[in-house]
PDB file of N, CA and C in Angstrom:
ATOM      1  N   UNK A   1     -52.584   5.916 -42.864  1.00  0.00           N
ATOM      2  CA  UNK A   1     -51.915   7.128 -42.459  1.00  0.00           C
ATOM      3  C   UNK A   1     -51.222   6.865 -41.117  1.00  0.00           C
ATOM      4  N   UNK A   2     -50.023   7.392 -40.976  1.00  0.00           N
ATOM      5  CA  UNK A   2     -49.249   7.247 -39.749  1.00  0.00           C
ATOM      6  C   UNK A   2     -49.405   8.524 -38.917  1.00  0.00           C
ATOM      7  N   UNK A   3     -49.708   8.356 -37.612  1.00  0.00           N
ATOM      8  CA  UNK A   3     -49.938   9.488 -36.720  1.00  0.00           C
ATOM      9  C   UNK A   3     -48.989   9.419 -35.522  1.00  0.00           C
ATOM     10  N   UNK A   4     -48.269  10.510 -35.250  1.00  0.00           N
ATOM     11  CA  UNK A   4     -47.427  10.546 -34.051  1.00  0.00           C
ATOM     12  C   UNK A   4     -48.298  10.592 -32.793  1.00  0.00           C
ATOM     13  N   UNK A   5     -47.941   9.810 -31.776  1.00  0.00           N
ATOM     14  CA  UNK A   5     -48.671   9.775 -30.508  1.00  0.00           C
ATOM     15  C   UNK A   5     -47.682   9.832 -29.354  1.00  0.00           C
ATOM     16  N   UNK A   6     -48.186  10.279 -28.192  1.00  0.00           N
ATOM     17  CA  UNK A   6     -47.372  10.262 -26.977  1.00  0.00           C
ATOM     18  C   UNK A   6     -48.119   9.427 -25.947  1.00  0.00           C
ATOM     19  N   UNK A   7     -47.474   8.363 -25.475  1.00  0.00           N
ATOM     20  CA  UNK A   7     -48.074   7.467 -24.492  1.00  0.00           C
ATOM     21  C   UNK A   7     -48.034   8.065 -23.089  1.00  0.00           C
ATOM     22  N   UNK A   8     -48.802   7.491 -22.194  1.00  0.00           N
ATOM     23  CA  UNK A   8     -48.883   7.956 -20.800  1.00  0.00           C
ATOM     24  C   UNK A   8     -47.527   7.958 -20.099  1.00  0.00           C
ATOM     25  N   UNK A   9     -46.622   7.062 -20.504  1.00  0.00           N
ATOM     26  CA  UNK A   9     -45.298   7.002 -19.872  1.00  0.00           C
ATOM     27  C   UNK A   9     -44.295   7.975 -20.494  1.00  0.00           C
ATOM     28  N   UNK A  10     -44.757   8.785 -21.462  1.00  0.00           N
ATOM     29  CA  UNK A  10     -43.899   9.780 -22.091  1.00  0.00           C
ATOM     30  C   UNK A  10     -43.261   9.333 -23.394  1.00  0.00           C
ATOM     31  N   UNK A  11     -43.391   8.063 -23.721  1.00  0.00           N
ATOM     32  CA  UNK A  11     -42.831   7.537 -24.953  1.00  0.00           C
ATOM     33  C   UNK A  11     -43.565   8.113 -26.164  1.00  0.00           C
ATOM     34  N   UNK A  12     -42.810   8.510 -27.174  1.00  0.00           N
ATOM     35  CA  UNK A  12     -43.388   9.010 -28.422  1.00  0.00           C
ATOM     36  C   UNK A  12     -43.230   7.923 -29.476  1.00  0.00           C
ATOM     37  N   UNK A  13     -44.284   7.726 -30.277  1.00  0.00           N
ATOM     38  CA  UNK A  13     -44.287   6.675 -31.287  1.00  0.00           C
ATOM     39  C   UNK A  13     -45.135   7.137 -32.455  1.00  0.00           C
ATOM     40  N   UNK A  14     -45.176   6.341 -33.498  1.00  0.00           N
ATOM     41  CA  UNK A  14     -46.052   6.590 -34.642  1.00  0.00           C
ATOM     42  C   UNK A  14     -46.903   5.347 -34.841  1.00  0.00           C
ATOM     43  N   UNK A  15     -48.224   5.550 -35.021  1.00  0.00           N
ATOM     44  CA  UNK A  15     -49.148   4.422 -35.158  1.00  0.00           C
ATOM     45  C   UNK A  15     -50.043   4.612 -36.376  1.00  0.00           C
ATOM     46  N   UNK A  16     -50.636   3.522 -36.820  1.00  0.00           N
ATOM     47  CA  UNK A  16     -51.620   3.587 -37.901  1.00  0.00           C
ATOM     48  C   UNK A  16     -52.850   4.329 -37.406  1.00  0.00           C
ATOM     49  N   UNK A  17     -53.460   5.135 -38.252  1.00  0.00           N
ATOM     50  CA  UNK A  17     -54.631   5.936 -37.873  1.00  0.00           C
ATOM     51  C   UNK A  17     -55.791   5.076 -37.387  1.00  0.00           C
ATOM     52  N   UNK A  18     -55.910   3.848 -37.888  1.00  0.00           N
ATOM     53  CA  UNK A  18     -57.021   2.990 -37.476  1.00  0.00           C
ATOM     54  C   UNK A  18     -56.911   2.578 -36.000  1.00  0.00           C
ATOM     55  N   UNK A  19     -55.745   2.717 -35.386  1.00  0.00           N
ATOM     56  CA  UNK A  19     -55.562   2.378 -33.972  1.00  0.00           C
ATOM     57  C   UNK A  19     -55.827   3.554 -33.040  1.00  0.00           C
ATOM     58  N   UNK A  20     -55.943   4.752 -33.587  1.00  0.00           N
ATOM     59  CA  UNK A  20     -56.037   5.962 -32.775  1.00  0.00           C
ATOM     60  C   UNK A  20     -57.226   5.946 -31.812  1.00  0.00           C
ATOM     61  N   UNK A  21     -58.435   5.631 -32.283  1.00  0.00           N
ATOM     62  CA  UNK A  21     -59.619   5.601 -31.411  1.00  0.00           C
ATOM     63  C   UNK A  21     -59.433   4.640 -30.241  1.00  0.00           C
ATOM     64  N   UNK A  22     -58.889   3.472 -30.518  1.00  0.00           N
ATOM     65  CA  UNK A  22     -58.668   2.474 -29.464  1.00  0.00           C
ATOM     66  C   UNK A  22     -57.682   2.995 -28.419  1.00  0.00           C
ATOM     67  N   UNK A  23     -56.611   3.610 -28.864  1.00  0.00           N
ATOM     68  CA  UNK A  23     -55.605   4.145 -27.940  1.00  0.00           C
ATOM     69  C   UNK A  23     -56.175   5.278 -27.092  1.00  0.00           C
ATOM     70  N   UNK A  24     -57.010   6.127 -27.697  1.00  0.00           N
ATOM     71  CA  UNK A  24     -57.622   7.233 -26.957  1.00  0.00           C
ATOM     72  C   UNK A  24     -58.578   6.693 -25.901  1.00  0.00           C
ATOM     73  N   UNK A  25     -59.476   5.804 -26.307  1.00  0.00           N
ATOM     74  CA  UNK A  25     -60.485   5.273 -25.383  1.00  0.00           C
ATOM     75  C   UNK A  25     -59.882   4.443 -24.258  1.00  0.00           C
ATOM     76  N   UNK A  26     -58.775   3.780 -24.520  1.00  0.00           N
ATOM     77  CA  UNK A  26     -58.137   2.951 -23.488  1.00  0.00           C
ATOM     78  C   UNK A  26     -57.307   3.787 -22.516  1.00  0.00           C
ATOM     79  N   UNK A  27     -57.052   5.049 -22.863  1.00  0.00           N
ATOM     80  CA  UNK A  27     -56.235   5.899 -21.999  1.00  0.00           C
ATOM     81  C   UNK A  27     -54.745   5.674 -22.165  1.00  0.00           C
ATOM     82  N   UNK A  28     -54.362   4.936 -23.211  1.00  0.00           N
ATOM     83  CA  UNK A  28     -52.955   4.614 -23.427  1.00  0.00           C
ATOM     84  C   UNK A  28     -52.135   5.818 -23.877  1.00  0.00           C
ATOM     85  N   UNK A  29     -52.769   6.771 -24.583  1.00  0.00           N
ATOM     86  CA  UNK A  29     -52.031   7.938 -25.050  1.00  0.00           C
ATOM     87  C   UNK A  29     -52.549   9.217 -24.400  1.00  0.00           C
ATOM     88  N   UNK A  30     -51.666  10.193 -24.275  1.00  0.00           N
ATOM     89  CA  UNK A  30     -52.043  11.481 -23.694  1.00  0.00           C
ATOM     90  C   UNK A  30     -52.237  12.540 -24.761  1.00  0.00           C
ATOM     91  N   UNK A  31     -51.641  12.315 -25.931  1.00  0.00           N
ATOM     92  CA  UNK A  31     -51.781  13.269 -27.038  1.00  0.00           C
ATOM     93  C   UNK A  31     -51.454  12.612 -28.365  1.00  0.00           C
ATOM     94  N   UNK A  32     -51.923  13.221 -29.441  1.00  0.00           N
ATOM     95  CA  UNK A  32     -51.560  12.808 -30.785  1.00  0.00           C
ATOM     96  C   UNK A  32     -51.408  14.054 -31.640  1.00  0.00           C
ATOM     97  N   UNK A  33     -50.716  13.914 -32.760  1.00  0.00           N
ATOM     98  CA  UNK A  33     -50.397  15.088 -33.567  1.00  0.00           C
ATOM     99  C   UNK A  33     -51.265  15.158 -34.817  1.00  0.00           C
ATOM    100  N   UNK A  34     -51.857  16.332 -35.002  1.00  0.00           N
ATOM    101  CA  UNK A  34     -52.585  16.652 -36.230  1.00  0.00           C
ATOM    102  C   UNK A  34     -51.710  17.608 -37.037  1.00  0.00           C
ATOM    103  N   UNK A  35     -52.178  17.970 -38.209  1.00  0.00           N
ATOM    104  CA  UNK A  35     -51.429  18.913 -39.037  1.00  0.00           C
ATOM    105  C   UNK A  35     -51.211  20.237 -38.316  1.00  0.00           C
ATOM    106  N   UNK A  36     -52.204  20.664 -37.529  1.00  0.00           N
ATOM    107  CA  UNK A  36     -52.113  21.933 -36.822  1.00  0.00           C
ATOM    108  C   UNK A  36     -51.367  21.880 -35.505  1.00  0.00           C
ATOM    109  N   UNK A  37     -50.900  20.722 -35.099  1.00  0.00           N
ATOM    110  CA  UNK A  37     -50.154  20.595 -33.843  1.00  0.00           C
ATOM    111  C   UNK A  37     -50.658  19.450 -32.981  1.00  0.00           C
ATOM    112  N   UNK A  38     -50.162  19.405 -31.756  1.00  0.00           N
ATOM    113  CA  UNK A  38     -50.506  18.324 -30.830  1.00  0.00           C
ATOM    114  C   UNK A  38     -51.889  18.540 -30.225  1.00  0.00           C
ATOM    115  N   UNK A  39     -52.662  17.459 -30.128  1.00  0.00           N
ATOM    116  CA  UNK A  39     -53.984  17.449 -29.500  1.00  0.00           C
ATOM    117  C   UNK A  39     -53.829  16.773 -28.151  1.00  0.00           C
ATOM    118  N   UNK A  40     -54.222  17.452 -27.080  1.00  0.00           N
ATOM    119  CA  UNK A  40     -54.119  16.894 -25.732  1.00  0.00           C
ATOM    120  C   UNK A  40     -55.446  16.232 -25.382  1.00  0.00           C
ATOM    121  N   UNK A  41     -55.400  14.925 -25.102  1.00  0.00           N
ATOM    122  CA  UNK A  41     -56.597  14.160 -24.772  1.00  0.00           C
ATOM    123  C   UNK A  41     -57.192  14.694 -23.474  1.00  0.00           C
ATOM    124  N   UNK A  42     -58.485  15.012 -23.498  1.00  0.00           N
ATOM    125  CA  UNK A  42     -59.160  15.525 -22.322  1.00  0.00           C
ATOM    126  C   UNK A  42     -59.207  17.041 -22.257  1.00  0.00           C
ATOM    127  N   UNK A  43     -58.325  17.718 -23.006  1.00  0.00           N
ATOM    128  CA  UNK A  43     -58.317  19.184 -23.036  1.00  0.00           C
ATOM    129  C   UNK A  43     -58.841  19.729 -24.359  1.00  0.00           C
ATOM    130  N   UNK A  44     -58.413  19.129 -25.454  1.00  0.00           N
ATOM    131  CA  UNK A  44     -58.782  19.596 -26.790  1.00  0.00           C
ATOM    132  C   UNK A  44     -59.946  18.795 -27.359  1.00  0.00           C
ATOM    133  N   UNK A  45     -60.790  19.440 -28.159  1.00  0.00           N
ATOM    134  CA  UNK A  45     -61.908  18.719 -28.782  1.00  0.00           C
ATOM    135  C   UNK A  45     -61.403  17.675 -29.771  1.00  0.00           C
ATOM    136  N   UNK A  46     -62.109  16.556 -29.823  1.00  0.00           N
ATOM    137  CA  UNK A  46     -61.749  15.470 -30.724  1.00  0.00           C
ATOM    138  C   UNK A  46     -62.966  15.143 -31.576  1.00  0.00           C
ATOM    139  N   UNK A  47     -62.773  15.080 -32.876  1.00  0.00           N
ATOM    140  CA  UNK A  47     -63.879  14.724 -33.774  1.00  0.00           C
ATOM    141  C   UNK A  47     -63.886  13.217 -33.968  1.00  0.00           C
ATOM    142  N   UNK A  48     -65.103  12.660 -34.009  1.00  0.00           N
ATOM    143  CA  UNK A  48     -65.242  11.230 -34.246  1.00  0.00           C
ATOM    144  C   UNK A  48     -66.425  11.028 -35.176  1.00  0.00           C
ATOM    145  N   UNK A  49     -66.196  10.432 -36.310  1.00  0.00           N
ATOM    146  CA  UNK A  49     -67.233  10.175 -37.310  1.00  0.00           C
ATOM    147  C   UNK A  49     -68.008  11.448 -37.660  1.00  0.00           C
ATOM    148  N   UNK A  50     -67.298  12.552 -37.829  1.00  0.00           N
ATOM    149  CA  UNK A  50     -67.921  13.797 -38.242  1.00  0.00           C
ATOM    150  C   UNK A  50     -68.598  14.573 -37.133  1.00  0.00           C
ATOM    151  N   UNK A  51     -68.617  14.043 -35.923  1.00  0.00           N
ATOM    152  CA  UNK A  51     -69.231  14.733 -34.790  1.00  0.00           C
ATOM    153  C   UNK A  51     -68.142  15.218 -33.850  1.00  0.00           C
ATOM    154  N   UNK A  52     -68.338  16.388 -33.292  1.00  0.00           N
ATOM    155  CA  UNK A  52     -67.383  16.929 -32.338  1.00  0.00           C
ATOM    156  C   UNK A  52     -67.712  16.367 -30.965  1.00  0.00           C
ATOM    157  N   UNK A  53     -66.743  15.730 -30.351  1.00  0.00           N
ATOM    158  CA  UNK A  53     -66.974  15.179 -29.022  1.00  0.00           C
ATOM    159  C   UNK A  53     -65.701  15.289 -28.200  1.00  0.00           C
ATOM    160  N   UNK A  54     -65.860  15.311 -26.911  1.00  0.00           N
ATOM    161  CA  UNK A  54     -64.708  15.338 -26.024  1.00  0.00           C
ATOM    162  C   UNK A  54     -64.730  14.073 -25.186  1.00  0.00           C
ATOM    163  N   UNK A  55     -63.592  13.466 -25.041  1.00  0.00           N
ATOM    164  CA  UNK A  55     -63.485  12.241 -24.253  1.00  0.00           C
ATOM    165  C   UNK A  55     -62.923  12.622 -22.890  1.00  0.00           C
ATOM    166  N   UNK A  56     -63.682  12.339 -21.856  1.00  0.00           N
ATOM    167  CA  UNK A  56     -63.208  12.631 -20.507  1.00  0.00           C
ATOM    168  C   UNK A  56     -63.702  11.547 -19.566  1.00  0.00           C
ATOM    169  N   UNK A  57     -63.067  11.451 -18.409  1.00  0.00           N
ATOM    170  CA  UNK A  57     -63.485  10.454 -17.428  1.00  0.00           C
ATOM    171  C   UNK A  57     -64.919  10.719 -16.977  1.00  0.00           C
ATOM    172  N   UNK A  58     -65.264  11.982 -16.752  1.00  0.00           N
ATOM    173  CA  UNK A  58     -66.601  12.324 -16.272  1.00  0.00           C
ATOM    174  C   UNK A  58     -67.667  11.862 -17.248  1.00  0.00           C
ATOM    175  N   UNK A  59     -67.424  12.048 -18.516  1.00  0.00           N
ATOM    176  CA  UNK A  59     -68.412  11.668 -19.521  1.00  0.00           C
ATOM    177  C   UNK A  59     -68.598  10.153 -19.561  1.00  0.00           C
ATOM    178  N   UNK A  60     -67.500   9.406 -19.441  1.00  0.00           N
ATOM    179  CA  UNK A  60     -67.590   7.946 -19.493  1.00  0.00           C
ATOM    180  C   UNK A  60     -68.192   7.360 -18.223  1.00  0.00           C
ATOM    181  N   UNK A  61     -68.051   8.049 -17.087  1.00  0.00           N
ATOM    182  CA  UNK A  61     -68.517   7.509 -15.822  1.00  0.00           C
ATOM    183  C   UNK A  61     -70.000   7.744 -15.567  1.00  0.00           C
ATOM    184  N   UNK A  62     -70.621   8.666 -16.301  1.00  0.00           N
ATOM    185  CA  UNK A  62     -72.031   8.946 -16.077  1.00  0.00           C
ATOM    186  C   UNK A  62     -72.880   7.753 -16.476  1.00  0.00           C
ATOM    187  N   UNK A  63     -73.791   7.388 -15.611  1.00  0.00           N
ATOM    188  CA  UNK A  63     -74.689   6.291 -15.951  1.00  0.00           C
ATOM    189  C   UNK A  63     -75.945   6.853 -16.581  1.00  0.00           C
ATOM    190  N   UNK A  64     -76.543   6.121 -17.512  1.00  0.00           N
ATOM    191  CA  UNK A  64     -77.745   6.628 -18.179  1.00  0.00           C
ATOM    192  C   UNK A  64     -78.932   6.679 -17.224  1.00  0.00           C
ATOM    193  N   UNK A  65     -79.781   7.671 -17.406  1.00  0.00           N
ATOM    194  CA  UNK A  65     -80.993   7.785 -16.623  1.00  0.00           C
ATOM    195  C   UNK A  65     -82.118   7.137 -17.404  1.00  0.00           C
ATOM    196  N   UNK A  66     -82.761   6.196 -16.799  1.00  0.00           N
ATOM    197  CA  UNK A  66     -83.825   5.486 -17.467  1.00  0.00           C
ATOM    198  C   UNK A  66     -85.185   5.903 -16.929  1.00  0.00           C
ATOM    199  N   UNK A  67     -86.115   6.066 -17.832  1.00  0.00           N
ATOM    200  CA  UNK A  67     -87.472   6.438 -17.433  1.00  0.00           C
ATOM    201  C   UNK A  67     -88.444   5.574 -18.215  1.00  0.00           C
ATOM    202  N   UNK A  68     -89.390   4.988 -17.516  1.00  0.00           N
ATOM    203  CA  UNK A  68     -90.355   4.125 -18.162  1.00  0.00           C
ATOM    204  C   UNK A  68     -91.718   4.788 -18.311  1.00  0.00           C
ATOM    205  N   UNK A  69     -91.847   6.035 -17.918  1.00  0.00           N
ATOM    206  CA  UNK A  69     -93.119   6.720 -18.043  1.00  0.00           C
ATOM    207  C   UNK A  69     -92.973   7.999 -18.790  1.00  0.00           C
TER     208      UNK A  69
END
């Protein structure tokens, strides 16, 4: 499936759906288009493997808390 995307520099392109996760996680794109309209990365919810998740800098920067007791 081909998905329209908008890169950080404003360029609009179409990419294979299998590349979408990589582009989102790398920060290369700012939005992509679904049937219902444009999804803004960091503002709109994004589903991944059937789970609803949001990708944000804060979420990626948190370090895990470890407890041994």
